[in-house]
Amino acid sequence: MKPASLTLDDERPRPDGPDRVSYHHHLARYQFLLPMVRPNDEILETGCGVGYGSQMLSERAHSVVAFDYSPAALEYARERHSAPNLTYLLMDCHRLALADTSFDLVVSFEVFEHLEAPLDYLSECRRVLRPGGRLVLSTPNRSSWDIHMRSIGTEYEYHVNMQDLDGLRTQLASFFPQVLIYSQWRKGNGLHRALRALDVWNLRLRLVPARRREKLQQIMGVPGGAAVKSSDWVFTRSQRRQANHFVAICTK
């Protein structure tokens, strides 16, 4: 079968894509999530993209329903990342055509920042979760993202719901009684860890030009380019205000 062609007007990391760093950054989240998946879990993945992560989840769970708004992405996913217990759907995440309390786990990686009605989305996620079910959601940290994008002279129009730590916690806590938020960032040597822990105001992003930061990261053992791998990212409950991305675990 001829591989599907993607008209990428968005940010869809994939194993055969050109951006190795973004792919492994994304893959690391699935590897963080996989130990939480139980054999009997019925999983919903929202904004599944090209489906490589959905297939990974299907190898651990009883079943996975994965949806996206992009027909091209779903065509690609069905051709390259299918499984007997994995179903792909075309759907709007603000209005889920799914029954109440029908899933044990909802996975939402890099969707939240694109939503014009994020509270409607969270309400739908809570509705389709069973009691005790969990929503695992990732999104960039506005506090560091905005500074970084300004420093490289780039505007990103697709991110319409960027949140800092307090804003994200407030939105999630409106729908879920238990919310744990982790920071995700790329590890380096001991000096890098120490300086990062002290930089609660993200001064490294405010004061150091982008090109200079890349060189400093290399000096401090932060892997990048062809050498990067998914295990180079860490997830921790500390250093959240200077996180690159958040990963939240929300329990109904």
Protein backbone atom coordinates (compact mmCIF):
# COMPACT_ATOMS: atom_id res chain seq x y z
CA MET A 1 0.00 0.00 0.00
CA LYS A 2 1.31 3.44 -0.88
CA PRO A 3 2.18 5.41 2.28
CA ALA A 4 -0.11 8.30 3.08
CA SER A 5 1.28 11.74 2.44
CA LEU A 6 0.88 14.32 5.20
CA THR A 7 0.18 17.94 4.49
CA LEU A 8 1.74 19.14 7.71
CA ASP A 9 0.44 22.56 8.60
CA ASP A 10 0.92 21.70 12.26
CA GLU A 11 3.32 20.02 14.68
CA ARG A 12 2.93 16.27 14.34
CA PRO A 13 6.04 14.44 15.55
CA ARG A 14 6.56 11.07 13.92
CA PRO A 15 9.30 8.40 13.83
CA ASP A 16 10.20 9.16 10.20
CA GLY A 17 9.86 12.93 10.53
CA PRO A 18 12.61 15.49 9.99
CA ASP A 19 12.69 16.85 13.56
CA ARG A 20 14.39 14.22 15.71
CA VAL A 21 14.37 16.36 18.85
CA SER A 22 10.61 17.03 18.72
CA TYR A 23 9.88 13.36 18.08
CA HIS A 24 11.90 12.13 21.06
CA HIS A 25 10.48 14.90 23.21
CA HIS A 26 7.01 13.61 22.31
CA LEU A 27 7.96 9.92 22.59
CA ALA A 28 9.26 10.49 26.12
CA ARG A 29 5.73 11.35 27.25
CA TYR A 30 4.38 8.02 26.06
CA GLN A 31 7.22 6.22 27.82
CA PHE A 32 6.37 8.13 30.99
CA LEU A 33 2.72 7.10 30.60
CA LEU A 34 3.11 3.42 29.69
CA PRO A 35 3.79 2.10 33.23
CA MET A 36 0.42 3.55 34.28
CA VAL A 37 -1.49 1.52 31.66
CA ARG A 38 -3.20 -1.65 32.91
CA PRO A 39 -4.08 -4.68 30.79
CA ASN A 40 -7.84 -4.14 31.18
CA ASP A 41 -7.79 -0.41 30.48
CA GLU A 42 -9.97 1.05 27.76
CA ILE A 43 -8.19 4.16 26.54
CA LEU A 44 -9.22 7.23 24.60
CA GLU A 45 -6.50 9.29 22.93
CA THR A 46 -7.51 12.76 21.81
CA GLY A 47 -5.51 14.45 19.08
CA CYS A 48 -3.66 11.24 18.26
CA GLY A 49 -1.78 12.68 15.29
CA VAL A 50 -0.02 10.04 13.20
CA GLY A 51 -0.84 7.29 15.71
CA TYR A 52 2.54 5.92 16.68
CA GLY A 53 1.77 6.58 20.35
CA SER A 54 -1.72 5.11 20.03
CA GLN A 55 -0.18 1.90 18.79
CA MET A 56 2.22 1.86 21.75
CA LEU A 57 -0.73 2.20 24.13
CA SER A 58 -2.63 -0.59 22.34
CA GLU A 59 0.21 -3.00 23.16
CA ARG A 60 -0.47 -2.53 26.89
CA ALA A 61 -4.21 -1.87 27.08
CA HIS A 62 -7.37 -3.84 26.37
CA SER A 63 -8.44 -1.34 23.69
CA VAL A 64 -7.65 2.14 22.37
CA VAL A 65 -9.91 4.60 20.58
CA ALA A 66 -7.82 7.37 19.03
CA PHE A 67 -9.14 10.38 17.19
CA ASP A 68 -7.90 13.47 15.39
CA TYR A 69 -9.41 16.27 13.32
CA SER A 70 -6.99 15.70 10.40
CA PRO A 71 -8.03 13.14 7.74
CA ALA A 72 -4.45 13.09 6.42
CA ALA A 73 -3.02 12.22 9.84
CA LEU A 74 -5.60 9.47 10.34
CA GLU A 75 -4.89 8.00 6.93
CA TYR A 76 -1.21 7.92 7.82
CA ALA A 77 -1.98 6.36 11.22
CA ARG A 78 -4.16 3.60 9.77
CA GLU A 79 -1.52 2.66 7.23
CA ARG A 80 1.50 2.66 9.52
CA HIS A 81 0.31 2.24 13.12
CA SER A 82 -2.73 -0.03 13.15
CA ALA A 83 -3.56 -2.80 15.63
CA PRO A 84 -6.52 -5.16 16.14
CA ASN A 85 -7.59 -3.39 19.34
CA LEU A 86 -6.99 0.14 18.01
CA THR A 87 -9.72 2.23 16.37
CA TYR A 88 -9.11 5.56 14.66
CA LEU A 89 -11.89 8.15 14.38
CA LEU A 90 -12.32 11.61 12.88
CA MET A 91 -13.78 13.79 15.64
CA ASP A 92 -13.93 17.25 17.20
CA CYS A 93 -12.49 17.11 20.70
CA HIS A 94 -14.89 19.76 22.01
CA ARG A 95 -17.88 17.46 21.35
CA LEU A 96 -17.04 13.81 21.86
CA ALA A 97 -19.49 11.44 20.16
CA LEU A 98 -18.82 8.86 22.86
CA ALA A 99 -20.84 7.42 25.73
CA ASP A 100 -20.55 8.60 29.31
CA THR A 101 -18.15 6.74 31.63
CA SER A 102 -16.76 4.58 28.84
CA PHE A 103 -12.99 4.91 29.36
CA ASP A 104 -10.47 4.26 32.12
CA LEU A 105 -7.83 6.60 30.74
CA VAL A 106 -7.90 9.65 28.47
CA VAL A 107 -4.59 10.67 26.89
CA SER A 108 -4.13 14.24 25.67
CA PHE A 109 -0.63 15.11 24.50
CA GLU A 110 -0.05 18.55 22.98
CA VAL A 111 -3.74 19.25 22.38
CA PHE A 112 -4.72 21.58 25.20
CA GLU A 113 -2.79 24.63 23.99
CA HIS A 114 -4.63 24.52 20.64
CA LEU A 115 -8.15 24.69 22.09
CA GLU A 116 -10.35 27.75 21.90
CA ALA A 117 -12.76 26.23 24.44
CA PRO A 118 -10.51 24.31 26.85
CA LEU A 119 -13.10 24.10 29.63
CA ASP A 120 -15.58 22.44 27.28
CA TYR A 121 -12.88 19.94 26.40
CA LEU A 122 -12.09 19.17 30.04
CA SER A 123 -15.79 18.72 30.74
CA GLU A 124 -16.00 16.18 27.92
CA CYS A 125 -12.92 14.34 29.16
CA ARG A 126 -14.44 14.06 32.63
CA ARG A 127 -17.77 12.93 31.18
CA VAL A 128 -16.33 9.98 29.26
CA LEU A 129 -14.10 8.84 32.13
CA ARG A 130 -15.24 6.18 34.57
CA PRO A 131 -15.09 6.93 38.30
CA GLY A 132 -11.46 6.78 39.33
CA GLY A 133 -10.37 7.18 35.70
CA ARG A 134 -7.50 9.46 34.78
CA LEU A 135 -6.78 12.17 32.26
CA VAL A 136 -3.07 12.45 31.39
CA LEU A 137 -2.49 15.77 29.66
CA SER A 138 0.63 17.53 28.39
CA THR A 139 1.03 21.14 27.32
CA PRO A 140 3.87 23.69 27.02
CA ASN A 141 4.67 25.97 29.93
CA ARG A 142 3.69 29.49 28.94
CA SER A 143 6.22 31.02 31.34
CA SER A 144 9.17 29.58 29.41
CA TRP A 145 7.56 29.19 25.98
CA ASP A 146 6.70 32.86 25.49
CA ILE A 147 10.18 34.01 26.45
CA HIS A 148 11.83 31.46 24.18
CA MET A 149 9.66 32.31 21.18
CA ARG A 150 10.32 36.04 21.60
CA SER A 151 14.05 35.37 21.85
CA ILE A 152 14.08 33.62 18.47
CA GLY A 153 11.75 36.18 16.88
CA THR A 154 8.93 33.72 16.20
CA GLU A 155 5.19 33.90 16.74
CA TYR A 156 3.12 30.73 16.87
CA GLU A 157 -0.49 31.43 15.99
CA TYR A 158 -1.81 27.92 16.65
CA HIS A 159 -1.28 28.08 20.42
CA VAL A 160 -4.39 29.87 21.67
CA ASN A 161 -4.62 28.43 25.19
CA MET A 162 -1.17 28.68 26.71
CA GLN A 163 -1.04 28.31 30.48
CA ASP A 164 1.54 28.82 33.19
CA LEU A 165 1.64 26.53 36.22
CA ASP A 166 -1.03 28.37 38.21
CA GLY A 167 -3.37 28.78 35.24
CA LEU A 168 -3.12 25.13 34.28
CA ARG A 169 -3.71 23.96 37.83
CA THR A 170 -6.76 26.19 38.15
CA GLN A 171 -8.36 24.95 34.93
CA LEU A 172 -7.72 21.28 35.68
CA ALA A 173 -8.86 21.53 39.31
CA SER A 174 -12.20 22.91 38.13
CA PHE A 175 -13.04 19.45 36.82
CA PHE A 176 -10.84 16.96 38.68
CA PRO A 177 -10.49 16.59 42.46
CA GLN A 178 -6.93 15.27 42.23
CA VAL A 179 -4.35 16.92 39.97
CA LEU A 180 -0.62 16.13 39.92
CA ILE A 181 1.52 18.27 37.62
CA TYR A 182 4.99 17.20 36.52
CA SER A 183 7.65 19.19 34.71
CA GLN A 184 9.37 17.77 31.63
CA TRP A 185 12.82 18.99 30.66
CA ARG A 186 15.97 17.72 28.99
CA LYS A 187 18.66 16.60 31.39
CA GLY A 188 22.31 17.65 31.36
CA ASN A 189 25.31 17.42 33.66
CA GLY A 190 25.44 18.40 37.33
CA LEU A 191 26.14 22.05 36.58
CA HIS A 192 23.12 22.21 34.28
CA ARG A 193 20.85 20.68 36.93
CA ALA A 194 22.08 23.10 39.59
CA LEU A 195 21.71 26.22 37.47
CA ARG A 196 18.31 25.15 36.23
CA ALA A 197 17.04 24.50 39.75
CA LEU A 198 18.03 28.05 40.76
CA ASP A 199 16.53 29.73 37.70
CA VAL A 200 12.93 30.02 38.89
CA TRP A 201 12.46 33.25 36.88
CA ASN A 202 13.73 31.70 33.60
CA LEU A 203 16.57 34.23 33.40
CA ARG A 204 18.52 31.90 31.10
CA LEU A 205 15.84 32.53 28.48
CA ARG A 206 15.53 36.26 29.17
CA LEU A 207 19.22 37.16 29.24
CA VAL A 208 21.06 34.67 27.03
CA PRO A 209 20.54 34.86 23.22
CA ALA A 210 19.15 31.73 21.59
CA ARG A 211 22.33 30.83 19.70
CA ARG A 212 24.39 31.27 22.81
CA ARG A 213 22.00 29.05 24.77
CA GLU A 214 22.53 26.21 22.32
CA LYS A 215 26.29 26.38 22.82
CA LEU A 216 25.91 26.55 26.60
CA GLN A 217 23.63 23.52 26.53
CA GLN A 218 26.27 21.54 24.69
CA ILE A 219 28.88 22.56 27.24
CA MET A 220 26.57 21.47 30.05
CA GLY A 221 25.91 18.04 28.53
CA VAL A 222 22.40 18.62 27.19
CA PRO A 223 22.03 16.25 24.22
CA GLY A 224 20.59 17.46 20.94
CA GLY A 225 20.49 16.82 17.21
CA ALA A 226 21.24 13.29 16.03
CA ALA A 227 22.44 12.26 19.49
CA VAL A 228 19.15 12.93 21.28
CA LYS A 229 16.94 10.09 22.53
CA SER A 230 13.72 9.89 24.49
CA SER A 231 15.50 8.89 27.72
CA ASP A 232 17.21 12.30 27.72
CA TRP A 233 14.05 13.89 29.16
CA VAL A 234 13.11 13.74 32.81
CA PHE A 235 9.76 14.13 34.57
CA THR A 236 9.69 15.53 38.07
CA ARG A 237 7.39 17.34 40.51
CA SER A 238 10.15 19.91 41.12
CA GLN A 239 11.30 22.79 38.88
CA ARG A 240 7.83 23.20 37.44
CA ARG A 241 7.94 26.97 36.93
CA GLN A 242 10.98 26.59 34.67
CA ALA A 243 9.65 23.48 32.90
CA ASN A 244 9.60 23.26 29.12
CA HIS A 245 6.35 21.28 29.25
CA PHE A 246 3.89 20.14 31.88
CA VAL A 247 2.43 16.67 32.19
CA ALA A 248 -0.65 16.53 34.41
CA ILE A 249 -2.30 13.43 35.86
CA CYS A 250 -5.93 14.20 36.75
CA THR A 251 -8.12 11.70 38.56
CA LYS A 252 -11.92 11.75 38.42
